[in-house]
Amino acid sequence: MKRSNLLLLTAAAMLAFAANSVLCRLALRHTQVDAASFTAVRLVSAALVLWLIVRFRSRGAAAGGNWASALALFTYAAAFSFAYTGLQAGIGALILFGCVQATMVGHGLWRGERLNLFQLVGMGIAIAGLAGLLLPRGTVPAPPLGSAALMMAAGAAWGVYSLRGRVVPDATAATQGNFARTVPMVAVLALAGVPSLRFDPAGFALAAASGSLASGLGYVVWYTVTPHLKAAHAATVQLSVPLIATAAGVVLLGETMSLLQLLAGAAIVGGIWLSLVKRDAGPAAARTPR
């Protein structure tokens, strides 16, 4: 693949992943759609688009994925949507990103991996940044505790999903199968939330865009470029996602971030980057789109 095409496709994938935060926050803030409906439309739209892509690409191919990974995917998507009822786009993306990486590092430690000095310092800085983002400082209010906890759960679920998918031979087919398996879970969520479900065409359109474009097509583009990237580079480039989401939240949604919140966000991203500098990143690092 030409370097220029690689750069363009990588940038497109990062924009798509950041767009999930912006589209979700935009829908929940400026339309009447509820979080359960947004989750349902997003997952079903992504499942449909991925099914069409996989079917067109390789007719008769066996479905991939499994129910455990689908449950992790559904947990991420549902917690993500409900979290954004109370979080700004940038803050939510920073919490999500930090918890995804913490989950994956924690899994490595549980498996007996050891952190070197760079990783220890980097993770310490990132954890301090996350604490600074969540705790109130003077006149800066803390994000709502419930929403922050939900986003942390979303990050942990996506970390689990990424870890489970790091050895699959066909990431696109596996993702398609996992999204398809979330449809019954979506039905249960919709039935449980019937009293609060709200139909809103604009909100549904944003959810469909999040599912079909930012999730479905975004993942396909990412899985197209990752074979051409070193694992460490693939992990590092994803550091741009919370930064893009933060900038888009300010420019497109009129959100504001205090200096302390910006410094906390910089600590999260910078700390994770430092932990990756000397890290021999494995396949999992290349498959953690948000």
Protein backbone atom coordinates (compact mmCIF):
# COMPACT_ATOMS: atom_id res chain seq x y z
CA MET A 1 0.00 0.00 0.00
CA LYS A 2 1.30 3.46 -0.91
CA ARG A 3 2.38 5.55 2.06
CA SER A 4 -0.01 8.37 1.11
CA ASN A 5 -2.95 5.95 0.97
CA LEU A 6 -1.90 4.40 4.27
CA LEU A 7 -1.81 7.80 5.95
CA LEU A 8 -5.19 8.81 4.53
CA LEU A 9 -6.89 5.55 5.52
CA THR A 10 -5.36 5.63 9.00
CA ALA A 11 -6.54 9.21 9.50
CA ALA A 12 -10.01 8.24 8.26
CA ALA A 13 -10.19 5.38 10.76
CA MET A 14 -9.15 7.61 13.66
CA LEU A 15 -11.74 10.22 12.66
CA ALA A 16 -14.39 7.50 12.50
CA PHE A 17 -13.58 6.21 15.99
CA ALA A 18 -13.65 9.72 17.46
CA ALA A 19 -16.92 10.37 15.63
CA ASN A 20 -18.65 7.72 17.74
CA SER A 21 -18.26 9.92 20.83
CA VAL A 22 -19.34 13.07 18.99
CA LEU A 23 -22.35 11.48 17.30
CA CYS A 24 -23.56 9.86 20.51
CA ARG A 25 -23.22 13.05 22.54
CA LEU A 26 -24.83 15.09 19.75
CA ALA A 27 -27.80 12.75 19.55
CA LEU A 28 -28.39 12.55 23.29
CA ARG A 29 -27.93 16.28 23.83
CA HIS A 30 -29.70 17.80 20.82
CA THR A 31 -32.41 15.25 19.93
CA GLN A 32 -35.06 13.37 21.87
CA VAL A 33 -33.57 9.92 21.29
CA ASP A 34 -32.86 7.88 24.43
CA ALA A 35 -29.67 5.96 25.17
CA ALA A 36 -31.25 2.51 24.73
CA SER A 37 -32.65 3.40 21.31
CA PHE A 38 -29.33 4.92 20.25
CA THR A 39 -27.53 1.72 21.27
CA ALA A 40 -30.02 -0.46 19.41
CA VAL A 41 -29.89 1.50 16.17
CA ARG A 42 -26.10 1.77 16.31
CA LEU A 43 -25.53 -1.95 16.78
CA VAL A 44 -28.13 -3.08 14.26
CA SER A 45 -26.84 -0.61 11.65
CA ALA A 46 -23.27 -1.78 12.15
CA ALA A 47 -24.32 -5.43 11.96
CA LEU A 48 -26.14 -4.82 8.67
CA VAL A 49 -23.31 -2.87 7.04
CA LEU A 50 -20.68 -5.38 8.11
CA TRP A 51 -22.84 -8.27 6.88
CA LEU A 52 -23.12 -6.62 3.47
CA ILE A 53 -19.37 -5.97 3.32
CA VAL A 54 -18.39 -9.51 4.34
CA ARG A 55 -20.95 -11.05 1.97
CA PHE A 56 -19.76 -8.90 -0.94
CA ARG A 57 -16.11 -9.54 -0.17
CA SER A 58 -16.30 -13.32 0.15
CA ARG A 59 -19.55 -15.06 -0.73
CA GLY A 60 -20.17 -18.17 1.28
CA ALA A 61 -17.64 -17.27 3.97
CA ALA A 62 -18.29 -18.75 7.37
CA ALA A 63 -19.55 -16.38 10.04
CA GLY A 64 -16.99 -15.36 12.63
CA GLY A 65 -17.16 -14.19 16.21
CA ASN A 66 -18.58 -15.80 19.32
CA TRP A 67 -21.15 -15.08 22.01
CA ALA A 68 -18.66 -14.12 24.73
CA SER A 69 -17.09 -11.44 22.53
CA ALA A 70 -20.54 -10.28 21.44
CA LEU A 71 -21.55 -9.82 25.09
CA ALA A 72 -18.43 -7.71 25.70
CA LEU A 73 -19.24 -5.66 22.59
CA PHE A 74 -22.84 -5.12 23.67
CA THR A 75 -21.77 -4.15 27.20
CA TYR A 76 -19.37 -1.59 25.77
CA ALA A 77 -21.95 -0.08 23.40
CA ALA A 78 -24.75 0.11 25.98
CA ALA A 79 -22.57 1.54 28.77
CA PHE A 80 -21.04 3.97 26.26
CA SER A 81 -24.44 5.37 25.26
CA PHE A 82 -25.82 5.70 28.77
CA ALA A 83 -22.57 7.30 29.96
CA TYR A 84 -22.89 10.05 27.37
CA THR A 85 -26.17 11.22 28.84
CA GLY A 86 -23.99 13.01 31.40
CA LEU A 87 -20.49 13.35 29.95
CA GLN A 88 -18.94 15.69 27.42
CA ALA A 89 -17.57 14.06 24.27
CA GLY A 90 -13.91 14.73 25.08
CA ILE A 91 -14.06 13.75 28.74
CA GLY A 92 -15.94 10.57 27.88
CA ALA A 93 -13.38 9.61 25.23
CA LEU A 94 -10.50 10.19 27.64
CA ILE A 95 -12.09 8.04 30.35
CA LEU A 96 -12.90 5.32 27.82
CA PHE A 97 -9.43 5.30 26.33
CA GLY A 98 -7.69 5.24 29.69
CA CYS A 99 -9.79 2.32 30.93
CA VAL A 100 -9.31 0.31 27.74
CA GLN A 101 -5.55 0.55 28.12
CA ALA A 102 -5.69 -0.12 31.88
CA THR A 103 -7.72 -3.27 31.25
CA MET A 104 -5.25 -4.57 28.70
CA VAL A 105 -2.24 -3.78 30.85
CA GLY A 106 -3.96 -5.35 33.86
CA HIS A 107 -4.58 -8.51 31.86
CA GLY A 108 -0.91 -8.63 30.94
CA LEU A 109 0.10 -8.32 34.59
CA TRP A 110 -2.34 -11.08 35.53
CA ARG A 111 -0.72 -13.28 32.88
CA GLY A 112 2.68 -12.69 34.44
CA GLU A 113 4.03 -9.84 32.29
CA ARG A 114 6.35 -7.33 33.96
CA LEU A 115 6.38 -3.59 33.37
CA ASN A 116 9.67 -1.84 32.74
CA LEU A 117 10.49 1.58 34.15
CA PHE A 118 9.02 3.47 31.18
CA GLN A 119 5.76 1.55 31.44
CA LEU A 120 5.53 2.01 35.21
CA VAL A 121 6.09 5.75 34.98
CA GLY A 122 3.75 6.08 32.02
CA MET A 123 0.90 4.16 33.63
CA GLY A 124 1.41 6.10 36.87
CA ILE A 125 1.06 9.39 34.98
CA ALA A 126 -2.01 8.12 33.12
CA ILE A 127 -3.70 6.96 36.33
CA ALA A 128 -2.94 10.30 37.99
CA GLY A 129 -4.43 12.06 34.95
CA LEU A 130 -7.57 9.93 35.14
CA ALA A 131 -7.92 10.69 38.84
CA GLY A 132 -7.43 14.39 38.13
CA LEU A 133 -10.13 14.22 35.47
CA LEU A 134 -12.65 12.51 37.76
CA LEU A 135 -12.04 14.39 41.00
CA PRO A 136 -13.24 17.98 41.54
CA ARG A 137 -10.56 20.62 41.95
CA GLY A 138 -11.63 24.00 43.36
CA THR A 139 -14.31 25.47 41.13
CA VAL A 140 -13.97 22.71 38.49
CA PRO A 141 -16.88 20.25 38.89
CA ALA A 142 -16.25 16.55 38.58
CA PRO A 143 -18.02 14.59 35.85
CA PRO A 144 -21.20 12.89 37.14
CA LEU A 145 -20.11 9.82 39.09
CA GLY A 146 -22.68 7.49 37.55
CA SER A 147 -21.84 8.51 33.99
CA ALA A 148 -18.10 8.26 34.66
CA ALA A 149 -18.56 4.77 36.15
CA LEU A 150 -20.53 3.67 33.09
CA MET A 151 -17.80 4.92 30.76
CA MET A 152 -15.20 3.11 32.82
CA ALA A 153 -17.27 -0.06 32.43
CA ALA A 154 -17.47 0.60 28.69
CA GLY A 155 -13.69 0.92 28.55
CA ALA A 156 -13.19 -2.30 30.49
CA ALA A 157 -15.64 -4.13 28.21
CA TRP A 158 -13.89 -2.89 25.10
CA GLY A 159 -10.55 -3.91 26.57
CA VAL A 160 -11.93 -7.42 27.09
CA TYR A 161 -13.31 -7.43 23.54
CA SER A 162 -9.95 -6.36 22.14
CA LEU A 163 -8.08 -9.02 24.11
CA ARG A 164 -10.46 -11.73 22.93
CA GLY A 165 -10.05 -10.66 19.31
CA ARG A 166 -6.29 -10.36 19.12
CA VAL A 167 -5.71 -13.80 17.56
CA VAL A 168 -8.67 -14.09 15.18
CA PRO A 169 -7.58 -14.82 11.60
CA ASP A 170 -10.20 -12.57 9.96
CA ALA A 171 -10.92 -9.53 12.12
CA THR A 172 -13.63 -8.13 9.82
CA ALA A 173 -15.58 -11.40 9.69
CA ALA A 174 -15.24 -11.82 13.45
CA THR A 175 -16.47 -8.26 14.06
CA GLN A 176 -19.42 -8.84 11.73
CA GLY A 177 -20.37 -12.01 13.58
CA ASN A 178 -20.07 -10.34 16.95
CA PHE A 179 -22.23 -7.38 15.92
CA ALA A 180 -24.83 -9.78 14.52
CA ARG A 181 -24.93 -11.65 17.83
CA THR A 182 -25.68 -8.42 19.70
CA VAL A 183 -29.07 -8.10 17.96
CA PRO A 184 -30.91 -10.42 20.44
CA MET A 185 -29.29 -8.51 23.30
CA VAL A 186 -30.49 -5.27 21.73
CA ALA A 187 -34.03 -6.67 21.66
CA VAL A 188 -33.85 -7.42 25.39
CA LEU A 189 -32.53 -3.91 26.09
CA ALA A 190 -35.34 -2.37 24.04
CA LEU A 191 -38.01 -4.42 25.80
CA ALA A 192 -36.59 -3.52 29.21
CA GLY A 193 -36.62 0.17 28.31
CA VAL A 194 -40.02 0.33 26.61
CA PRO A 195 -41.48 2.96 28.99
CA SER A 196 -38.64 5.40 28.22
CA LEU A 197 -38.05 4.67 24.53
CA ARG A 198 -38.45 7.75 22.36
CA PHE A 199 -38.64 7.77 18.57
CA ASP A 200 -36.75 10.66 17.04
CA PRO A 201 -35.82 10.65 13.33
CA ALA A 202 -32.80 12.92 13.77
CA GLY A 203 -31.52 10.91 16.73
CA PHE A 204 -32.01 7.64 14.87
CA ALA A 205 -30.13 9.06 11.86
CA LEU A 206 -27.17 9.98 14.08
CA ALA A 207 -27.23 6.52 15.66
CA ALA A 208 -27.33 4.90 12.23
CA ALA A 209 -24.37 7.02 11.15
CA SER A 210 -22.49 5.96 14.28
CA GLY A 211 -23.20 2.30 13.55
CA SER A 212 -22.82 2.13 9.79
CA LEU A 213 -20.07 4.71 9.19
CA ALA A 214 -18.12 5.34 12.40
CA SER A 215 -18.34 1.73 13.62
CA GLY A 216 -18.93 -0.59 10.64
CA LEU A 217 -16.94 1.13 7.89
CA GLY A 218 -14.47 2.55 10.40
CA TYR A 219 -13.51 -0.93 11.60
CA VAL A 220 -13.18 -2.25 8.05
CA VAL A 221 -10.81 0.61 7.15
CA TRP A 222 -8.80 0.03 10.32
CA TYR A 223 -8.46 -3.68 9.68
CA THR A 224 -7.31 -2.83 6.16
CA VAL A 225 -4.42 -0.66 7.36
CA THR A 226 -3.28 -2.56 10.45
CA PRO A 227 -1.39 -5.24 8.47
CA HIS A 228 0.75 -2.41 7.08
CA LEU A 229 1.50 -0.86 10.49
CA LYS A 230 3.86 -2.06 13.18
CA ALA A 231 1.90 -3.05 16.26
CA ALA A 232 3.50 -0.31 18.36
CA HIS A 233 2.64 2.28 15.71
CA ALA A 234 -0.93 1.02 15.51
CA ALA A 235 -1.27 1.40 19.27
CA THR A 236 0.34 4.82 19.33
CA VAL A 237 -1.72 6.32 16.51
CA GLN A 238 -4.88 5.57 18.48
CA LEU A 239 -3.76 8.15 21.00
CA SER A 240 -5.20 10.68 18.55
CA VAL A 241 -8.77 9.45 19.09
CA PRO A 242 -9.50 11.16 22.45
CA LEU A 243 -7.71 14.28 21.23
CA ILE A 244 -9.88 14.43 18.11
CA ALA A 245 -13.03 13.80 20.15
CA THR A 246 -12.08 16.57 22.58
CA ALA A 247 -11.42 19.08 19.79
CA ALA A 248 -14.63 18.12 17.98
CA GLY A 249 -16.62 18.48 21.19
CA VAL A 250 -15.34 22.02 21.63
CA VAL A 251 -15.75 23.07 17.99
CA LEU A 252 -18.94 21.24 17.01
CA LEU A 253 -20.82 20.89 20.30
CA GLY A 254 -19.72 24.05 22.08
CA GLU A 255 -18.29 22.09 25.01
CA THR A 256 -15.69 23.64 27.27
CA MET A 257 -12.79 22.14 29.17
CA SER A 258 -10.96 23.80 32.01
CA LEU A 259 -7.18 24.05 32.12
CA LEU A 260 -7.11 21.36 34.82
CA GLN A 261 -9.19 19.02 32.67
CA LEU A 262 -6.94 19.65 29.68
CA LEU A 263 -3.87 18.92 31.78
CA ALA A 264 -5.49 15.73 33.10
CA GLY A 265 -6.30 14.67 29.55
CA ALA A 266 -2.73 15.39 28.46
CA ALA A 267 -1.47 13.25 31.36
CA ILE A 268 -3.69 10.34 30.31
CA VAL A 269 -2.59 10.44 26.68
CA GLY A 270 1.04 11.25 27.45
CA GLY A 271 1.29 8.60 30.12
CA ILE A 272 -0.06 5.91 27.84
CA TRP A 273 2.29 7.03 25.07
CA LEU A 274 5.23 6.77 27.46
CA SER A 275 4.13 3.26 28.42
CA LEU A 276 4.19 2.31 24.72
CA VAL A 277 7.62 3.76 23.92
CA LYS A 278 9.56 0.75 25.20
CA ARG A 279 6.75 -1.75 24.92
CA ASP A 280 6.88 -4.67 22.51
CA ALA A 281 3.23 -4.26 21.59
CA GLY A 282 1.49 -7.43 20.45
CA PRO A 283 -1.42 -7.98 18.07
CA ALA A 284 -3.92 -6.73 20.65
CA ALA A 285 -2.57 -3.24 20.30
CA ALA A 286 -3.53 -3.18 16.65
CA ARG A 287 -7.13 -4.12 17.24
CA THR A 288 -8.51 -1.68 19.74
CA PRO A 289 -10.73 0.75 17.78
CA ARG A 290 -13.31 2.68 19.76
